[in-house]
Amino acid sequence: LKPTHLEVVDTSGGCGASFEVEIVSEQFEGKRLLERHRL
């Protein structure tokens, strides 16, 4: 997605089972939130 901003937080305590993502990308232009999440 070539983001201009990306923040990934492992919320699983290190086992890699749960993550939070904050992402900013030009590829989201013209897309609804659901479409962005699908990407």
PDB file of all heavy atoms in Angstrom:
ATOM      1  N   LEU A   1       0.792  -1.233   0.000  1.00  0.00           N
ATOM      2  CA  LEU A   1       0.000   0.000   0.000  1.00  0.00           C
ATOM      3  C   LEU A   1       0.823   1.281   0.000  1.00  0.00           C
ATOM      4  O   LEU A   1       0.266   2.371  -0.074  1.00  0.00           O
ATOM      5  CB  LEU A   1      -0.963  -0.008   1.198  1.00  0.00           C
ATOM      6  CG  LEU A   1      -1.964  -1.169   1.203  1.00  0.00           C
ATOM      7  CD1 LEU A   1      -2.782  -1.163   2.479  1.00  0.00           C
ATOM      8  CD2 LEU A   1      -2.862  -1.108  -0.006  1.00  0.00           C
ATOM      9  N   LYS A   2       2.124   1.165   0.104  1.00  0.00           N
ATOM     10  CA  LYS A   2       3.038   2.316   0.073  1.00  0.00           C
ATOM     11  C   LYS A   2       2.525   3.486   0.927  1.00  0.00           C
ATOM     12  O   LYS A   2       2.298   4.589   0.426  1.00  0.00           O
ATOM     13  CB  LYS A   2       3.290   2.747  -1.349  1.00  0.00           C
ATOM     14  CG  LYS A   2       3.885   1.602  -2.156  1.00  0.00           C
ATOM     15  CD  LYS A   2       4.272   1.937  -3.531  1.00  0.00           C
ATOM     16  CE  LYS A   2       4.840   0.782  -4.313  1.00  0.00           C
ATOM     17  NZ  LYS A   2       4.598  -0.555  -3.901  1.00  0.00           N
ATOM     18  N   PRO A   3       2.339   3.239   2.217  1.00  0.00           N
ATOM     19  CA  PRO A   3       1.767   4.280   3.085  1.00  0.00           C
ATOM     20  C   PRO A   3       2.704   5.454   3.321  1.00  0.00           C
ATOM     21  O   PRO A   3       3.929   5.296   3.305  1.00  0.00           O
ATOM     22  CB  PRO A   3       1.507   3.534   4.394  1.00  0.00           C
ATOM     23  CG  PRO A   3       2.496   2.420   4.398  1.00  0.00           C
ATOM     24  CD  PRO A   3       2.668   2.028   2.960  1.00  0.00           C
ATOM     25  N   THR A   4       2.103   6.632   3.546  1.00  0.00           N
ATOM     26  CA  THR A   4       2.885   7.800   3.940  1.00  0.00           C
ATOM     27  C   THR A   4       3.015   7.839   5.459  1.00  0.00           C
ATOM     28  O   THR A   4       3.867   8.535   5.989  1.00  0.00           O
ATOM     29  CB  THR A   4       2.225   9.101   3.430  1.00  0.00           C
ATOM     30  OG1 THR A   4       0.879   9.154   3.917  1.00  0.00           O
ATOM     31  CG2 THR A   4       2.230   9.149   1.912  1.00  0.00           C
ATOM     32  N   HIS A   5       2.164   7.089   6.134  1.00  0.00           N
ATOM     33  CA  HIS A   5       2.242   6.927   7.592  1.00  0.00           C
ATOM     34  C   HIS A   5       1.759   5.516   7.908  1.00  0.00           C
ATOM     35  O   HIS A   5       0.763   5.057   7.346  1.00  0.00           O
ATOM     36  CB  HIS A   5       1.344   7.942   8.312  1.00  0.00           C
ATOM     37  CG  HIS A   5       1.175   7.650   9.779  1.00  0.00           C
ATOM     38  ND1 HIS A   5       2.136   7.974  10.705  1.00  0.00           N
ATOM     39  CD2 HIS A   5       0.176   7.037  10.453  1.00  0.00           C
ATOM     40  CE1 HIS A   5       1.717   7.575  11.911  1.00  0.00           C
ATOM     41  NE2 HIS A   5       0.530   7.011  11.784  1.00  0.00           N
ATOM     42  N   LEU A   6       2.492   4.827   8.774  1.00  0.00           N
ATOM     43  CA  LEU A   6       2.097   3.491   9.181  1.00  0.00           C
ATOM     44  C   LEU A   6       2.535   3.265  10.617  1.00  0.00           C
ATOM     45  O   LEU A   6       3.695   3.483  10.967  1.00  0.00           O
ATOM     46  CB  LEU A   6       2.746   2.430   8.282  1.00  0.00           C
ATOM     47  CG  LEU A   6       2.484   0.966   8.659  1.00  0.00           C
ATOM     48  CD1 LEU A   6       1.000   0.636   8.572  1.00  0.00           C
ATOM     49  CD2 LEU A   6       3.299   0.035   7.770  1.00  0.00           C
ATOM     50  N   GLU A   7       1.579   2.868  11.434  1.00  0.00           N
ATOM     51  CA  GLU A   7       1.882   2.513  12.810  1.00  0.00           C
ATOM     52  C   GLU A   7       1.245   1.160  13.092  1.00  0.00           C
ATOM     53  O   GLU A   7       0.041   0.984  12.923  1.00  0.00           O
ATOM     54  CB  GLU A   7       1.330   3.566  13.769  1.00  0.00           C
ATOM     55  CG  GLU A   7       1.705   3.315  15.209  1.00  0.00           C
ATOM     56  CD  GLU A   7       1.226   4.415  16.145  1.00  0.00           C
ATOM     57  OE1 GLU A   7       1.015   5.553  15.686  1.00  0.00           O
ATOM     58  OE2 GLU A   7       1.059   4.118  17.329  1.00  0.00           O
ATOM     59  N   VAL A   8       2.077   0.202  13.485  1.00  0.00           N
ATOM     60  CA  VAL A   8       1.608  -1.141  13.812  1.00  0.00           C
ATOM     61  C   VAL A   8       1.983  -1.415  15.254  1.00  0.00           C
ATOM     62  O   VAL A   8       3.131  -1.236  15.649  1.00  0.00           O
ATOM     63  CB  VAL A   8       2.239  -2.205  12.885  1.00  0.00           C
ATOM     64  CG1 VAL A   8       1.782  -3.606  13.276  1.00  0.00           C
ATOM     65  CG2 VAL A   8       1.907  -1.922  11.429  1.00  0.00           C
ATOM     66  N   VAL A   9       1.015  -1.844  16.048  1.00  0.00           N
ATOM     67  CA  VAL A   9       1.251  -2.164  17.455  1.00  0.00           C
ATOM     68  C   VAL A   9       0.851  -3.616  17.696  1.00  0.00           C
ATOM     69  O   VAL A   9      -0.271  -4.019  17.365  1.00  0.00           O
ATOM     70  CB  VAL A   9       0.430  -1.234  18.388  1.00  0.00           C
ATOM     71  CG1 VAL A   9       0.643  -1.617  19.845  1.00  0.00           C
ATOM     72  CG2 VAL A   9       0.797   0.219  18.143  1.00  0.00           C
ATOM     73  N   ASP A  10       1.780  -4.396  18.242  1.00  0.00           N
ATOM     74  CA  ASP A  10       1.490  -5.779  18.613  1.00  0.00           C
ATOM     75  C   ASP A  10       0.790  -5.738  19.963  1.00  0.00           C
ATOM     76  O   ASP A  10       1.398  -5.421  20.978  1.00  0.00           O
ATOM     77  CB  ASP A  10       2.785  -6.584  18.686  1.00  0.00           C
ATOM     78  CG  ASP A  10       2.556  -8.058  19.000  1.00  0.00           C
ATOM     79  OD1 ASP A  10       1.461  -8.411  19.483  1.00  0.00           O
ATOM     80  OD2 ASP A  10       3.484  -8.846  18.775  1.00  0.00           O
ATOM     81  N   THR A  11      -0.498  -6.037  19.980  1.00  0.00           N
ATOM     82  CA  THR A  11      -1.273  -5.987  21.220  1.00  0.00           C
ATOM     83  C   THR A  11      -1.430  -7.369  21.848  1.00  0.00           C
ATOM     84  O   THR A  11      -2.206  -7.546  22.781  1.00  0.00           O
ATOM     85  CB  THR A  11      -2.669  -5.380  20.954  1.00  0.00           C
ATOM     86  OG1 THR A  11      -3.330  -6.146  19.943  1.00  0.00           O
ATOM     87  CG2 THR A  11      -2.565  -3.931  20.527  1.00  0.00           C
ATOM     88  N   SER A  12      -0.666  -8.333  21.336  1.00  0.00           N
ATOM     89  CA  SER A  12      -0.795  -9.709  21.820  1.00  0.00           C
ATOM     90  C   SER A  12       0.214 -10.043  22.913  1.00  0.00           C
ATOM     91  O   SER A  12       0.222 -11.161  23.401  1.00  0.00           O
ATOM     92  CB  SER A  12      -0.606 -10.685  20.660  1.00  0.00           C
ATOM     93  OG  SER A  12       0.738 -10.628  20.194  1.00  0.00           O
ATOM     94  N   GLY A  13       1.064  -9.096  23.258  1.00  0.00           N
ATOM     95  CA  GLY A  13       2.088  -9.398  24.244  1.00  0.00           C
ATOM     96  C   GLY A  13       3.292 -10.092  23.635  1.00  0.00           C
ATOM     97  O   GLY A  13       4.093 -10.696  24.340  1.00  0.00           O
ATOM     98  N   GLY A  14       3.413 -10.031  22.321  1.00  0.00           N
ATOM     99  CA  GLY A  14       4.592 -10.579  21.658  1.00  0.00           C
ATOM    100  C   GLY A  14       4.393 -11.880  20.912  1.00  0.00           C
ATOM    101  O   GLY A  14       5.294 -12.344  20.231  1.00  0.00           O
ATOM    102  N   CYS A  15       3.215 -12.496  21.000  1.00  0.00           N
ATOM    103  CA  CYS A  15       3.022 -13.782  20.321  1.00  0.00           C
ATOM    104  C   CYS A  15       2.572 -13.619  18.859  1.00  0.00           C
ATOM    105  O   CYS A  15       2.507 -14.583  18.118  1.00  0.00           O
ATOM    106  CB  CYS A  15       2.037 -14.669  21.083  1.00  0.00           C
ATOM    107  SG  CYS A  15       0.322 -14.155  20.993  1.00  0.00           S
ATOM    108  N   GLY A  16       2.269 -12.375  18.445  1.00  0.00           N
ATOM    109  CA  GLY A  16       1.923 -12.115  17.054  1.00  0.00           C
ATOM    110  C   GLY A  16       0.508 -12.481  16.670  1.00  0.00           C
ATOM    111  O   GLY A  16       0.199 -12.667  15.504  1.00  0.00           O
ATOM    112  N   ALA A  17      -0.389 -12.569  17.635  1.00  0.00           N
ATOM    113  CA  ALA A  17      -1.755 -12.976  17.335  1.00  0.00           C
ATOM    114  C   ALA A  17      -2.722 -11.809  17.224  1.00  0.00           C
ATOM    115  O   ALA A  17      -3.838 -11.965  16.754  1.00  0.00           O
ATOM    116  CB  ALA A  17      -2.255 -13.944  18.408  1.00  0.00           C
ATOM    117  N   SER A  18      -2.297 -10.611  17.633  1.00  0.00           N
ATOM    118  CA  SER A  18      -3.205  -9.471  17.665  1.00  0.00           C
ATOM    119  C   SER A  18      -2.443  -8.180  17.375  1.00  0.00           C
ATOM    120  O   SER A  18      -1.415  -7.915  17.990  1.00  0.00           O
ATOM    121  CB  SER A  18      -3.860  -9.404  19.048  1.00  0.00           C
ATOM    122  OG  SER A  18      -4.720  -8.299  19.125  1.00  0.00           O
ATOM    123  N   PHE A  19      -2.979  -7.387  16.442  1.00  0.00           N
ATOM    124  CA  PHE A  19      -2.319  -6.146  16.043  1.00  0.00           C
ATOM    125  C   PHE A  19      -3.325  -5.015  15.886  1.00  0.00           C
ATOM    126  O   PHE A  19      -4.485  -5.246  15.536  1.00  0.00           O
ATOM    127  CB  PHE A  19      -1.591  -6.316  14.700  1.00  0.00           C
ATOM    128  CG  PHE A  19      -0.432  -7.262  14.763  1.00  0.00           C
ATOM    129  CD1 PHE A  19      -0.602  -8.604  14.470  1.00  0.00           C
ATOM    130  CD2 PHE A  19       0.827  -6.821  15.122  1.00  0.00           C
ATOM    131  CE1 PHE A  19       0.457  -9.486  14.531  1.00  0.00           C
ATOM    132  CE2 PHE A  19       1.900  -7.691  15.183  1.00  0.00           C
ATOM    133  CZ  PHE A  19       1.710  -9.033  14.891  1.00  0.00           C
ATOM    134  N   GLU A  20      -2.846  -3.789  16.137  1.00  0.00           N
ATOM    135  CA  GLU A  20      -3.580  -2.569  15.811  1.00  0.00           C
ATOM    136  C   GLU A  20      -2.805  -1.870  14.709  1.00  0.00           C
ATOM    137  O   GLU A  20      -1.574  -1.806  14.757  1.00  0.00           O
ATOM    138  CB  GLU A  20      -3.671  -1.638  17.025  1.00  0.00           C
ATOM    139  CG  GLU A  20      -4.598  -2.115  18.092  1.00  0.00           C
ATOM    140  CD  GLU A  20      -4.710  -1.138  19.254  1.00  0.00           C
ATOM    141  OE1 GLU A  20      -3.981  -0.117  19.282  1.00  0.00           O
ATOM    142  OE2 GLU A  20      -5.529  -1.399  20.144  1.00  0.00           O
ATOM    143  N   VAL A  21      -3.526  -1.328  13.729  1.00  0.00           N
ATOM    144  CA  VAL A  21      -2.903  -0.673  12.585  1.00  0.00           C
ATOM    145  C   VAL A  21      -3.511   0.704  12.370  1.00  0.00           C
ATOM    146  O   VAL A  21      -4.726   0.877  12.436  1.00  0.00           O
ATOM    147  CB  VAL A  21      -3.079  -1.521  11.296  1.00  0.00           C
ATOM    148  CG1 VAL A  21      -2.569  -0.784  10.077  1.00  0.00           C
ATOM    149  CG2 VAL A  21      -2.392  -2.870  11.433  1.00  0.00           C
ATOM    150  N   GLU A  22      -2.640   1.661  12.112  1.00  0.00           N
ATOM    151  CA  GLU A  22      -3.031   3.006  11.687  1.00  0.00           C
ATOM    152  C   GLU A  22      -2.261   3.238  10.394  1.00  0.00           C
ATOM    153  O   GLU A  22      -1.038   3.163  10.385  1.00  0.00           O
ATOM    154  CB  GLU A  22      -2.610   4.002  12.767  1.00  0.00           C
ATOM    155  CG  GLU A  22      -3.068   5.400  12.551  1.00  0.00           C
ATOM    156  CD  GLU A  22      -2.711   6.272  13.742  1.00  0.00           C
ATOM    157  OE1 GLU A  22      -3.392   6.192  14.781  1.00  0.00           O
ATOM    158  OE2 GLU A  22      -1.730   7.043  13.614  1.00  0.00           O
ATOM    159  N   ILE A  23      -2.968   3.479   9.303  1.00  0.00           N
ATOM    160  CA  ILE A  23      -2.310   3.576   8.000  1.00  0.00           C
ATOM    161  C   ILE A  23      -2.881   4.723   7.172  1.00  0.00           C
ATOM    162  O   ILE A  23      -4.086   4.970   7.180  1.00  0.00           O
ATOM    163  CB  ILE A  23      -2.417   2.224   7.240  1.00  0.00           C
ATOM    164  CG1 ILE A  23      -1.641   2.264   5.921  1.00  0.00           C
ATOM    165  CG2 ILE A  23      -3.848   1.792   7.055  1.00  0.00           C
ATOM    166  CD1 ILE A  23      -1.450   0.896   5.283  1.00  0.00           C
ATOM    167  N   VAL A  24      -1.992   5.415   6.472  1.00  0.00           N
ATOM    168  CA  VAL A  24      -2.356   6.502   5.567  1.00  0.00           C
ATOM    169  C   VAL A  24      -1.760   6.168   4.205  1.00  0.00           C
ATOM    170  O   VAL A  24      -0.549   5.956   4.096  1.00  0.00           O
ATOM    171  CB  VAL A  24      -1.799   7.855   6.069  1.00  0.00           C
ATOM    172  CG1 VAL A  24      -2.159   8.977   5.102  1.00  0.00           C
ATOM    173  CG2 VAL A  24      -2.304   8.164   7.472  1.00  0.00           C
ATOM    174  N   SER A  25      -2.604   6.090   3.181  1.00  0.00           N
ATOM    175  CA  SER A  25      -2.123   5.709   1.854  1.00  0.00           C
ATOM    176  C   SER A  25      -2.917   6.415   0.758  1.00  0.00           C
ATOM    177  O   SER A  25      -4.141   6.564   0.865  1.00  0.00           O
ATOM    178  CB  SER A  25      -2.253   4.194   1.669  1.00  0.00           C
ATOM    179  OG  SER A  25      -1.929   3.819   0.347  1.00  0.00           O
ATOM    180  N   GLU A  26      -2.220   6.804  -0.307  1.00  0.00           N
ATOM    181  CA  GLU A  26      -2.888   7.400  -1.471  1.00  0.00           C
ATOM    182  C   GLU A  26      -3.814   6.391  -2.143  1.00  0.00           C
ATOM    183  O   GLU A  26      -4.764   6.777  -2.820  1.00  0.00           O
ATOM    184  CB  GLU A  26      -1.851   7.903  -2.472  1.00  0.00           C
ATOM    185  CG  GLU A  26      -1.110   9.136  -1.987  1.00  0.00           C
ATOM    186  CD  GLU A  26      -0.108   9.663  -3.005  1.00  0.00           C
ATOM    187  OE1 GLU A  26      -0.073   9.154  -4.147  1.00  0.00           O
ATOM    188  OE2 GLU A  26       0.637  10.584  -2.650  1.00  0.00           O
ATOM    189  N   GLN A  27      -3.559   5.099  -1.943  1.00  0.00           N
ATOM    190  CA  GLN A  27      -4.397   4.066  -2.564  1.00  0.00           C
ATOM    191  C   GLN A  27      -5.817   4.044  -1.982  1.00  0.00           C
ATOM    192  O   GLN A  27      -6.701   3.400  -2.531  1.00  0.00           O
ATOM    193  CB  GLN A  27      -3.737   2.701  -2.424  1.00  0.00           C
ATOM    194  CG  GLN A  27      -2.472   2.609  -3.257  1.00  0.00           C
ATOM    195  CD  GLN A  27      -1.889   1.220  -3.286  1.00  0.00           C
ATOM    196  OE1 GLN A  27      -2.623   0.234  -3.286  1.00  0.00           O
ATOM    197  NE2 GLN A  27      -0.571   1.136  -3.307  1.00  0.00           N
ATOM    198  N   PHE A  28      -6.025   4.768  -0.882  1.00  0.00           N
ATOM    199  CA  PHE A  28      -7.357   4.840  -0.277  1.00  0.00           C
ATOM    200  C   PHE A  28      -8.218   5.938  -0.905  1.00  0.00           C
ATOM    201  O   PHE A  28      -9.416   6.019  -0.611  1.00  0.00           O
ATOM    202  CB  PHE A  28      -7.259   5.098   1.235  1.00  0.00           C
ATOM    203  CG  PHE A  28      -6.605   3.983   2.012  1.00  0.00           C
ATOM    204  CD1 PHE A  28      -5.930   4.264   3.177  1.00  0.00           C
ATOM    205  CD2 PHE A  28      -6.666   2.666   1.599  1.00  0.00           C
ATOM    206  CE1 PHE A  28      -5.329   3.259   3.934  1.00  0.00           C
ATOM    207  CE2 PHE A  28      -6.075   1.650   2.324  1.00  0.00           C
ATOM    208  CZ  PHE A  28      -5.407   1.945   3.499  1.00  0.00           C
ATOM    209  N   GLU A  29      -7.622   6.773  -1.757  1.00  0.00           N
ATOM    210  CA  GLU A  29      -8.363   7.865  -2.400  1.00  0.00           C
ATOM    211  C   GLU A  29      -9.590   7.320  -3.135  1.00  0.00           C
ATOM    212  O   GLU A  29      -9.502   6.349  -3.887  1.00  0.00           O
ATOM    213  CB  GLU A  29      -7.486   8.612  -3.411  1.00  0.00           C
ATOM    214  CG  GLU A  29      -6.354   9.411  -2.808  1.00  0.00           C
ATOM    215  CD  GLU A  29      -6.780  10.687  -2.097  1.00  0.00           C
ATOM    216  OE1 GLU A  29      -7.951  11.111  -2.220  1.00  0.00           O
ATOM    217  OE2 GLU A  29      -5.920  11.257  -1.404  1.00  0.00           O
ATOM    218  N   GLY A  30     -10.752   7.926  -2.889  1.00  0.00           N
ATOM    219  CA  GLY A  30     -11.979   7.557  -3.581  1.00  0.00           C
ATOM    220  C   GLY A  30     -12.624   6.267  -3.090  1.00  0.00           C
ATOM    221  O   GLY A  30     -13.587   5.802  -3.679  1.00  0.00           O
ATOM    222  N   LYS A  31     -12.075   5.696  -2.020  1.00  0.00           N
ATOM    223  CA  LYS A  31     -12.618   4.441  -1.503  1.00  0.00           C
ATOM    224  C   LYS A  31     -13.309   4.664  -0.164  1.00  0.00           C
ATOM    225  O   LYS A  31     -12.861   5.448   0.656  1.00  0.00           O
ATOM    226  CB  LYS A  31     -11.512   3.409  -1.356  1.00  0.00           C
ATOM    227  CG  LYS A  31     -10.920   3.010  -2.705  1.00  0.00           C
ATOM    228  CD  LYS A  31      -9.945   1.894  -2.572  1.00  0.00           C
ATOM    229  CE  LYS A  31      -9.465   1.378  -3.907  1.00  0.00           C
ATOM    230  NZ  LYS A  31      -9.093   2.339  -4.881  1.00  0.00           N
ATOM    231  N   ARG A  32     -14.402   3.937   0.053  1.00  0.00           N
ATOM    232  CA  ARG A  32     -15.098   3.991   1.331  1.00  0.00           C
ATOM    233  C   ARG A  32     -14.292   3.227   2.375  1.00  0.00           C
ATOM    234  O   ARG A  32     -13.401   2.447   2.048  1.00  0.00           O
ATOM    235  CB  ARG A  32     -16.499   3.381   1.199  1.00  0.00           C
ATOM    236  CG  ARG A  32     -17.399   4.163   0.243  1.00  0.00           C
ATOM    237  CD  ARG A  32     -18.826   3.625   0.233  1.00  0.00           C
ATOM    238  NE  ARG A  32     -18.920   2.190   0.355  1.00  0.00           N
ATOM    239  CZ  ARG A  32     -19.218   1.354  -0.635  1.00  0.00           C
ATOM    240  NH1 ARG A  32     -19.454   1.825  -1.836  1.00  0.00           N
ATOM    241  NH2 ARG A  32     -19.298   0.056  -0.420  1.00  0.00           N
ATOM    242  N   LEU A  33     -14.635   3.436   3.635  1.00  0.00           N
ATOM    243  CA  LEU A  33     -13.904   2.814   4.735  1.00  0.00           C
ATOM    244  C   LEU A  33     -13.838   1.296   4.600  1.00  0.00           C
ATOM    245  O   LEU A  33     -12.776   0.691   4.791  1.00  0.00           O
ATOM    246  CB  LEU A  33     -14.533   3.207   6.076  1.00  0.00           C
ATOM    247  CG  LEU A  33     -13.809   2.714   7.326  1.00  0.00           C
ATOM    248  CD1 LEU A  33     -12.388   3.246   7.387  1.00  0.00           C
ATOM    249  CD2 LEU A  33     -14.581   3.119   8.571  1.00  0.00           C
ATOM    250  N   LEU A  34     -14.951   0.666   4.259  1.00  0.00           N
ATOM    251  CA  LEU A  34     -14.963  -0.783   4.113  1.00  0.00           C
ATOM    252  C   LEU A  34     -13.981  -1.244   3.030  1.00  0.00           C
ATOM    253  O   LEU A  34     -13.258  -2.233   3.205  1.00  0.00           O
ATOM    254  CB  LEU A  34     -16.376  -1.275   3.793  1.00  0.00           C
ATOM    255  CG  LEU A  34     -16.539  -2.783   3.626  1.00  0.00           C
ATOM    256  CD1 LEU A  34     -16.141  -3.519   4.905  1.00  0.00           C
ATOM    257  CD2 LEU A  34     -17.980  -3.116   3.254  1.00  0.00           C
ATOM    258  N   GLU A  35     -13.932  -0.514   1.921  1.00  0.00           N
ATOM    259  CA  GLU A  35     -13.003  -0.852   0.842  1.00  0.00           C
ATOM    260  C   GLU A  35     -11.551  -0.700   1.301  1.00  0.00           C
ATOM    261  O   GLU A  35     -10.689  -1.504   0.933  1.00  0.00           O
ATOM    262  CB  GLU A  35     -13.260   0.037  -0.374  1.00  0.00           C
ATOM    263  CG  GLU A  35     -14.610  -0.217  -1.031  1.00  0.00           C
ATOM    264  CD  GLU A  35     -14.927   0.820  -2.095  1.00  0.00           C
ATOM    265  OE1 GLU A  35     -14.947   2.022  -1.773  1.00  0.00           O
ATOM    266  OE2 GLU A  35     -15.156   0.408  -3.249  1.00  0.00           O
ATOM    267  N   ARG A  36     -11.286   0.308   2.101  1.00  0.00           N
ATOM    268  CA  ARG A  36      -9.938   0.524   2.632  1.00  0.00           C
ATOM    269  C   ARG A  36      -9.528  -0.627   3.536  1.00  0.00           C
ATOM    270  O   ARG A  36      -8.417  -1.135   3.461  1.00  0.00           O
ATOM    271  CB  ARG A  36      -9.872   1.845   3.398  1.00  0.00           C
ATOM    272  CG  ARG A  36     -10.113   3.057   2.512  1.00  0.00           C
ATOM    273  CD  ARG A  36     -10.225   4.314   3.329  1.00  0.00           C
ATOM    274  NE  ARG A  36     -10.603   5.446   2.493  1.00  0.00           N
ATOM    275  CZ  ARG A  36     -10.576   6.697   2.894  1.00  0.00           C
ATOM    276  NH1 ARG A  36     -10.210   7.004   4.118  1.00  0.00           N
ATOM    277  NH2 ARG A  36     -10.930   7.660   2.068  1.00  0.00           N
ATOM    278  N   HIS A  37     -10.444  -1.052   4.395  1.00  0.00           N
ATOM    279  CA  HIS A  37     -10.167  -2.173   5.299  1.00  0.00           C
ATOM    280  C   HIS A  37      -9.927  -3.450   4.490  1.00  0.00           C
ATOM    281  O   HIS A  37      -9.050  -4.248   4.842  1.00  0.00           O
ATOM    282  CB  HIS A  37     -11.310  -2.354   6.287  1.00  0.00           C
ATOM    283  CG  HIS A  37     -11.297  -1.348   7.389  1.00  0.00           C
ATOM    284  ND1 HIS A  37     -11.579  -1.668   8.686  1.00  0.00           N
ATOM    285  CD2 HIS A  37     -11.001  -0.020   7.393  1.00  0.00           C
ATOM    286  CE1 HIS A  37     -11.472  -0.583   9.443  1.00  0.00           C
ATOM    287  NE2 HIS A  37     -11.135   0.419   8.668  1.00  0.00           N
ATOM    288  N   ARG A  38     -10.678  -3.619   3.431  1.00  0.00           N
ATOM    289  CA  ARG A  38     -10.480  -4.803   2.580  1.00  0.00           C
ATOM    290  C   ARG A  38      -9.101  -4.786   1.935  1.00  0.00           C
ATOM    291  O   ARG A  38      -8.465  -5.840   1.801  1.00  0.00           O
ATOM    292  CB  ARG A  38     -11.565  -4.879   1.509  1.00  0.00           C
ATOM    293  CG  ARG A  38     -12.888  -5.335   2.061  1.00  0.00           C
ATOM    294  CD  ARG A  38     -13.924  -5.484   0.972  1.00  0.00           C
ATOM    295  NE  ARG A  38     -15.176  -5.976   1.541  1.00  0.00           N
ATOM    296  CZ  ARG A  38     -16.371  -5.685   1.065  1.00  0.00           C
ATOM    297  NH1 ARG A  38     -16.493  -4.908   0.004  1.00  0.00           N
ATOM    298  NH2 ARG A  38     -17.448  -6.170   1.645  1.00  0.00           N
ATOM    299  N   LEU A  39      -8.630  -3.615   1.522  1.00  0.00           N
ATOM    300  CA  LEU A  39      -7.289  -3.515   0.948  1.00  0.00           C
ATOM    301  C   LEU A  39      -6.232  -3.959   1.960  1.00  0.00           C
ATOM    302  O   LEU A  39      -5.294  -4.684   1.619  1.00  0.00           O
ATOM    303  CB  LEU A  39      -6.992  -2.082   0.492  1.00  0.00           C
ATOM    304  CG  LEU A  39      -7.623  -1.625  -0.817  1.00  0.00           C
ATOM    305  CD1 LEU A  39      -7.384  -0.130  -1.026  1.00  0.00           C
ATOM    306  CD2 LEU A  39      -7.063  -2.421  -1.978  1.00  0.00           C
TER     307      LEU A  39
END
